[in-house]
C-alpha atoms as a PDB file:
ATOM      1  CA  UNK A   1      38.159  35.835 -25.288  1.00  0.00           C
ATOM      2  CA  UNK A   2      39.447  38.952 -27.796  1.00  0.00           C
ATOM      3  CA  UNK A   3      40.490  41.497 -25.102  1.00  0.00           C
ATOM      4  CA  UNK A   4      44.039  42.238 -25.496  1.00  0.00           C
ATOM      5  CA  UNK A   5      43.705  44.074 -21.848  1.00  0.00           C
ATOM      6  CA  UNK A   6      45.629  42.530 -18.794  1.00  0.00           C
ATOM      7  CA  UNK A   7      43.082  43.856 -16.182  1.00  0.00           C
ATOM      8  CA  UNK A   8      40.157  43.003 -17.920  1.00  0.00           C
ATOM      9  CA  UNK A   9      41.371  39.177 -18.237  1.00  0.00           C
ATOM     10  CA  UNK A  10      42.624  39.468 -14.827  1.00  0.00           C
ATOM     11  CA  UNK A  11      38.720  40.467 -13.395  1.00  0.00           C
ATOM     12  CA  UNK A  12      37.128  38.426 -15.876  1.00  0.00           C
ATOM     13  CA  UNK A  13      39.488  35.549 -13.981  1.00  0.00           C
ATOM     14  CA  UNK A  14      38.819  36.759 -10.592  1.00  0.00           C
ATOM     15  CA  UNK A  15      35.236  36.732 -11.415  1.00  0.00           C
ATOM     16  CA  UNK A  16      35.084  33.467 -12.515  1.00  0.00           C
ATOM     17  CA  UNK A  17      37.136  32.225  -9.906  1.00  0.00           C
ATOM     18  CA  UNK A  18      34.521  33.363  -7.226  1.00  0.00           C
ATOM     19  CA  UNK A  19      31.877  31.906  -9.541  1.00  0.00           C
ATOM     20  CA  UNK A  20      33.099  28.892  -9.629  1.00  0.00           C
ATOM     21  CA  UNK A  21      33.898  29.281  -5.384  1.00  0.00           C
ATOM     22  CA  UNK A  22      30.371  30.216  -4.540  1.00  0.00           C
ATOM     23  CA  UNK A  23      28.988  26.811  -6.328  1.00  0.00           C
ATOM     24  CA  UNK A  24      30.712  24.811  -4.300  1.00  0.00           C
ATOM     25  CA  UNK A  25      29.592  26.860  -1.067  1.00  0.00           C
ATOM     26  CA  UNK A  26      26.686  25.448  -2.322  1.00  0.00           C
ATOM     27  CA  UNK A  27      26.683  22.687  -3.427  1.00  0.00           C
ATOM     28  CA  UNK A  28      28.655  21.376   0.155  1.00  0.00           C
ATOM     29  CA  UNK A  29      26.050  23.221   2.467  1.00  0.00           C
ATOM     30  CA  UNK A  30      23.306  20.990   0.011  1.00  0.00           C
ATOM     31  CA  UNK A  31      24.949  18.258   1.067  1.00  0.00           C
ATOM     32  CA  UNK A  32      26.087  18.525   4.282  1.00  0.00           C
ATOM     33  CA  UNK A  33      22.072  18.907   4.526  1.00  0.00           C
ATOM     34  CA  UNK A  34      21.745  16.126   3.697  1.00  0.00           C
ATOM     35  CA  UNK A  35      24.358  13.599   5.205  1.00  0.00           C
ATOM     36  CA  UNK A  36      23.037  15.371   8.104  1.00  0.00           C
ATOM     37  CA  UNK A  37      19.371  15.144   8.088  1.00  0.00           C
ATOM     38  CA  UNK A  38      17.584  13.420  10.872  1.00  0.00           C
ATOM     39  CA  UNK A  39      16.495   9.535  10.118  1.00  0.00           C
ATOM     40  CA  UNK A  40      13.246   8.989   9.906  1.00  0.00           C
ATOM     41  CA  UNK A  41      10.838   6.411  11.618  1.00  0.00           C
ATOM     42  CA  UNK A  42       8.745   5.129   9.397  1.00  0.00           C
ATOM     43  CA  UNK A  43       5.706   4.835  11.881  1.00  0.00           C
ATOM     44  CA  UNK A  44       5.356   8.753  12.092  1.00  0.00           C
ATOM     45  CA  UNK A  45       7.033  10.128   8.881  1.00  0.00           C
ATOM     46  CA  UNK A  46       4.791   7.957   6.228  1.00  0.00           C
ATOM     47  CA  UNK A  47       4.006   9.630   3.027  1.00  0.00           C
ATOM     48  CA  UNK A  48       1.789  12.923   4.270  1.00  0.00           C
ATOM     49  CA  UNK A  49      -0.248  13.518   1.049  1.00  0.00           C
ATOM     50  CA  UNK A  50      -1.683  10.612   0.443  1.00  0.00           C
ATOM     51  CA  UNK A  51      -1.743   9.113   3.592  1.00  0.00           C
ATOM     52  CA  UNK A  52      -5.438  10.353   3.295  1.00  0.00           C
ATOM     53  CA  UNK A  53      -6.409   9.326   0.387  1.00  0.00           C
ATOM     54  CA  UNK A  54      -4.517   5.764   1.980  1.00  0.00           C
ATOM     55  CA  UNK A  55      -7.047   5.955   4.619  1.00  0.00           C
ATOM     56  CA  UNK A  56     -10.207   6.223   2.886  1.00  0.00           C
ATOM     57  CA  UNK A  57      -9.025   3.414   0.073  1.00  0.00           C
ATOM     58  CA  UNK A  58      -8.626   1.332   3.431  1.00  0.00           C
ATOM     59  CA  UNK A  59     -12.072   2.495   4.625  1.00  0.00           C
ATOM     60  CA  UNK A  60     -13.736   1.670   1.562  1.00  0.00           C
ATOM     61  CA  UNK A  61     -12.632  -1.490   1.168  1.00  0.00           C
ATOM     62  CA  UNK A  62     -13.270  -2.620   5.006  1.00  0.00           C
ATOM     63  CA  UNK A  63     -16.686  -1.520   3.666  1.00  0.00           C
ATOM     64  CA  UNK A  64     -17.180  -3.335   0.783  1.00  0.00           C
ATOM     65  CA  UNK A  65     -15.590  -6.578   2.387  1.00  0.00           C
ATOM     66  CA  UNK A  66     -18.381  -5.671   4.836  1.00  0.00           C
ATOM     67  CA  UNK A  67     -20.499  -6.015   2.686  1.00  0.00           C
ATOM     68  CA  UNK A  68     -19.518  -9.029   1.133  1.00  0.00           C
ATOM     69  CA  UNK A  69     -19.672 -10.451   4.752  1.00  0.00           C
ATOM     70  CA  UNK A  70     -23.315  -9.346   4.772  1.00  0.00           C
ATOM     71  CA  UNK A  71     -23.870 -11.663   1.104  1.00  0.00           C
ATOM     72  CA  UNK A  72     -22.153 -14.333   1.502  1.00  0.00           C
ATOM     73  CA  UNK A  73     -24.001 -15.708   5.099  1.00  0.00           C
ATOM     74  CA  UNK A  74     -27.642 -15.445   2.787  1.00  0.00           C
ATOM     75  CA  UNK A  75     -26.022 -17.769   0.399  1.00  0.00           C
ATOM     76  CA  UNK A  76     -26.625 -21.430   0.850  1.00  0.00           C
ATOM     77  CA  UNK A  77     -24.764 -22.942  -1.824  1.00  0.00           C
ATOM     78  CA  UNK A  78     -21.395 -24.203  -1.999  1.00  0.00           C
ATOM     79  CA  UNK A  79     -22.212 -23.689  -5.832  1.00  0.00           C
ATOM     80  CA  UNK A  80     -22.308 -20.584  -5.960  1.00  0.00           C
ATOM     81  CA  UNK A  81     -19.448 -20.046  -2.949  1.00  0.00           C
ATOM     82  CA  UNK A  82     -17.017 -21.080  -5.407  1.00  0.00           C
ATOM     83  CA  UNK A  83     -18.576 -19.338  -8.214  1.00  0.00           C
ATOM     84  CA  UNK A  84     -17.906 -16.727  -5.773  1.00  0.00           C
ATOM     85  CA  UNK A  85     -14.482 -16.856  -4.925  1.00  0.00           C
ATOM     86  CA  UNK A  86     -13.556 -17.888  -9.086  1.00  0.00           C
ATOM     87  CA  UNK A  87     -14.966 -13.758  -9.757  1.00  0.00           C
ATOM     88  CA  UNK A  88     -12.861 -12.394  -6.532  1.00  0.00           C
ATOM     89  CA  UNK A  89      -9.802 -10.756  -6.925  1.00  0.00           C
ATOM     90  CA  UNK A  90      -8.505  -9.598  -4.150  1.00  0.00           C
ATOM     91  CA  UNK A  91      -7.079 -11.653  -1.433  1.00  0.00           C
ATOM     92  CA  UNK A  92      -9.429 -10.400   1.584  1.00  0.00           C
ATOM     93  CA  UNK A  93     -12.793 -10.956  -0.848  1.00  0.00           C
ATOM     94  CA  UNK A  94     -11.659 -14.812  -1.388  1.00  0.00           C
ATOM     95  CA  UNK A  95     -10.355 -15.358   2.337  1.00  0.00           C
ATOM     96  CA  UNK A  96     -13.893 -14.409   2.923  1.00  0.00           C
ATOM     97  CA  UNK A  97     -15.676 -16.808   0.660  1.00  0.00           C
ATOM     98  CA  UNK A  98     -12.881 -19.603   1.944  1.00  0.00           C
ATOM     99  CA  UNK A  99     -14.271 -19.353   5.025  1.00  0.00           C
ATOM    100  CA  UNK A 100     -18.010 -19.076   4.048  1.00  0.00           C
ATOM    101  CA  UNK A 101     -17.357 -22.585   1.953  1.00  0.00           C
ATOM    102  CA  UNK A 102     -15.550 -24.043   4.982  1.00  0.00           C
ATOM    103  CA  UNK A 103     -18.622 -23.328   7.467  1.00  0.00           C
ATOM    104  CA  UNK A 104     -21.214 -23.958   4.502  1.00  0.00           C
ATOM    105  CA  UNK A 105     -19.666 -27.282   4.650  1.00  0.00           C
ATOM    106  CA  UNK A 106     -18.752 -28.388   8.177  1.00  0.00           C
ATOM    107  CA  UNK A 107     -22.641 -27.773   8.542  1.00  0.00           C
ATOM    108  CA  UNK A 108     -23.825 -30.128   5.245  1.00  0.00           C
ATOM    109  CA  UNK A 109     -21.206 -32.718   7.828  1.00  0.00           C
ATOM    110  CA  UNK A 110     -23.187 -31.581  11.007  1.00  0.00           C
ATOM    111  CA  UNK A 111     -26.365 -32.491   9.235  1.00  0.00           C
ATOM    112  CA  UNK A 112     -25.448 -35.284   8.477  1.00  0.00           C
ATOM    113  CA  UNK A 113     -23.929 -36.902  11.067  1.00  0.00           C
ATOM    114  CA  UNK A 114     -27.177 -35.694  12.982  1.00  0.00           C
ATOM    115  CA  UNK A 115     -29.356 -37.438   9.956  1.00  0.00           C
ATOM    116  CA  UNK A 116     -28.129 -40.523   9.657  1.00  0.00           C
ATOM    117  CA  UNK A 117     -27.782 -40.736  14.157  1.00  0.00           C
ATOM    118  CA  UNK A 118     -31.534 -39.394  14.657  1.00  0.00           C
ATOM    119  CA  UNK A 119     -31.757 -43.181  11.514  1.00  0.00           C
ATOM    120  CA  UNK A 120     -29.845 -45.297  13.552  1.00  0.00           C
ATOM    121  CA  UNK A 121     -31.896 -44.472  16.454  1.00  0.00           C
ATOM    122  CA  UNK A 122     -35.068 -45.650  14.592  1.00  0.00           C
END
């Protein structure tokens, strides 16, 4: 800024130009590496850091659903199942509970039909 020597000014300007040129080359290399990056297939290239965690969560969810399924087999009241359904938060849990309610209602209808047939035969 304050130098009066023209030779020194030329050296400073050429150094600045050289730095700008190097910066442009680095930017171009970065862009080229991003531009020609191979396409990732969605199946293989999952986020590998989160994959074990998501797999563990999925296994835990499956274990919880299996336990819920066993619990639902022991319940014989539609009212109890309805209470569970209202308290359930996840879709898969609600799905299992609704299936158990449908099964119980079908069994009740079948029992009523059989009782009606037995009574009409007598």
